[in-house]
Amino acid sequence: GGGKTKAVNTRTPEGRAQYDEALYKALEAAGAPTGAGTLIAKVGGTSLQARAGLARLIEAGRITWSGKARGTRYSLV
């Protein structure tokens, strides 16, 4: 770790939608429950952006989660 992640724009509704879709596709490609850190490494963004995007996907009923804190893993519904 420690590398600089790819910057993403989540300031606009379009930017958030694109980022959420990128998170979803990365999760789909993983094929198994995956942690936020792994997803960030694939699609970029900050941990705050990733958590917000993942929360939007959970709210939309597209993904689910298990575990807590660093042990949280996300998976497709």
Protein backbone atom coordinates (compact mmCIF):
# COMPACT_ATOMS: atom_id res chain seq x y z
CA GLY A 1 0.00 0.00 0.00
CA GLY A 2 0.90 3.61 0.46
CA GLY A 3 0.61 4.33 -3.26
CA LYS A 4 -1.44 7.26 -4.52
CA THR A 5 -4.90 6.15 -5.63
CA LYS A 6 -6.51 7.30 -8.84
CA ALA A 7 -8.56 10.46 -8.26
CA VAL A 8 -12.27 10.21 -8.95
CA ASN A 9 -14.92 12.91 -9.14
CA THR A 10 -17.89 12.31 -6.85
CA ARG A 11 -18.94 15.96 -6.64
CA THR A 12 -21.63 15.64 -9.32
CA PRO A 13 -24.52 13.16 -9.59
CA GLU A 14 -22.99 11.87 -12.85
CA GLY A 15 -19.58 11.43 -11.23
CA ARG A 16 -21.12 9.55 -8.29
CA ALA A 17 -23.11 7.31 -10.63
CA GLN A 18 -19.97 6.49 -12.65
CA TYR A 19 -17.97 5.78 -9.51
CA ASP A 20 -20.73 3.60 -8.01
CA GLU A 21 -20.91 1.64 -11.27
CA ALA A 22 -17.11 1.18 -11.25
CA LEU A 23 -17.31 -0.14 -7.66
CA TYR A 24 -20.12 -2.50 -8.66
CA LYS A 25 -18.19 -3.80 -11.70
CA ALA A 26 -15.04 -4.34 -9.59
CA LEU A 27 -17.08 -6.28 -7.05
CA GLU A 28 -18.68 -8.31 -9.84
CA ALA A 29 -15.24 -9.09 -11.32
CA ALA A 30 -13.93 -10.18 -7.92
CA GLY A 31 -16.54 -12.94 -7.78
CA ALA A 32 -16.28 -13.20 -3.99
CA PRO A 33 -16.93 -11.04 -0.92
CA THR A 34 -14.37 -8.25 -1.09
CA GLY A 35 -13.06 -5.55 1.25
CA ALA A 36 -13.20 -1.83 0.49
CA GLY A 37 -9.40 -1.59 0.28
CA THR A 38 -9.27 -4.07 -2.58
CA LEU A 39 -12.03 -2.20 -4.44
CA ILE A 40 -10.25 1.14 -3.94
CA ALA A 41 -7.05 -0.39 -5.34
CA LYS A 42 -8.99 -1.33 -8.48
CA VAL A 43 -11.17 1.75 -9.08
CA GLY A 44 -9.40 4.53 -7.16
CA GLY A 45 -10.84 7.15 -4.85
CA THR A 46 -10.47 7.71 -1.13
CA SER A 47 -11.80 5.42 1.57
CA LEU A 48 -14.48 8.04 2.29
CA GLN A 49 -15.57 8.09 -1.36
CA ALA A 50 -15.59 4.30 -1.49
CA ARG A 51 -17.62 3.94 1.72
CA ALA A 52 -20.15 6.51 0.46
CA GLY A 53 -20.40 4.75 -2.91
CA LEU A 54 -20.77 1.34 -1.30
CA ALA A 55 -23.45 2.75 1.02
CA ARG A 56 -25.36 4.06 -2.02
CA LEU A 57 -25.14 0.61 -3.66
CA ILE A 58 -26.40 -1.05 -0.45
CA GLU A 59 -29.25 1.49 -0.25
CA ALA A 60 -30.15 0.71 -3.87
CA GLY A 61 -30.28 -3.01 -3.02
CA ARG A 62 -27.50 -3.92 -5.48
CA ILE A 63 -24.93 -5.15 -2.95
CA THR A 64 -24.84 -6.43 0.61
CA TRP A 65 -22.20 -6.54 3.35
CA SER A 66 -21.05 -8.68 6.24
CA GLY A 67 -18.61 -8.15 9.10
CA LYS A 68 -17.57 -4.86 10.64
CA ALA A 69 -14.81 -2.28 10.58
CA ARG A 70 -11.74 -3.57 8.69
CA GLY A 71 -13.36 -7.01 8.41
CA THR A 72 -16.30 -5.71 6.35
CA ARG A 73 -16.75 -7.55 3.06
CA TYR A 74 -19.10 -6.52 0.27
CA SER A 75 -20.84 -8.85 -2.17
CA LEU A 76 -23.45 -8.73 -4.92
CA VAL A 77 -27.08 -9.30 -3.94
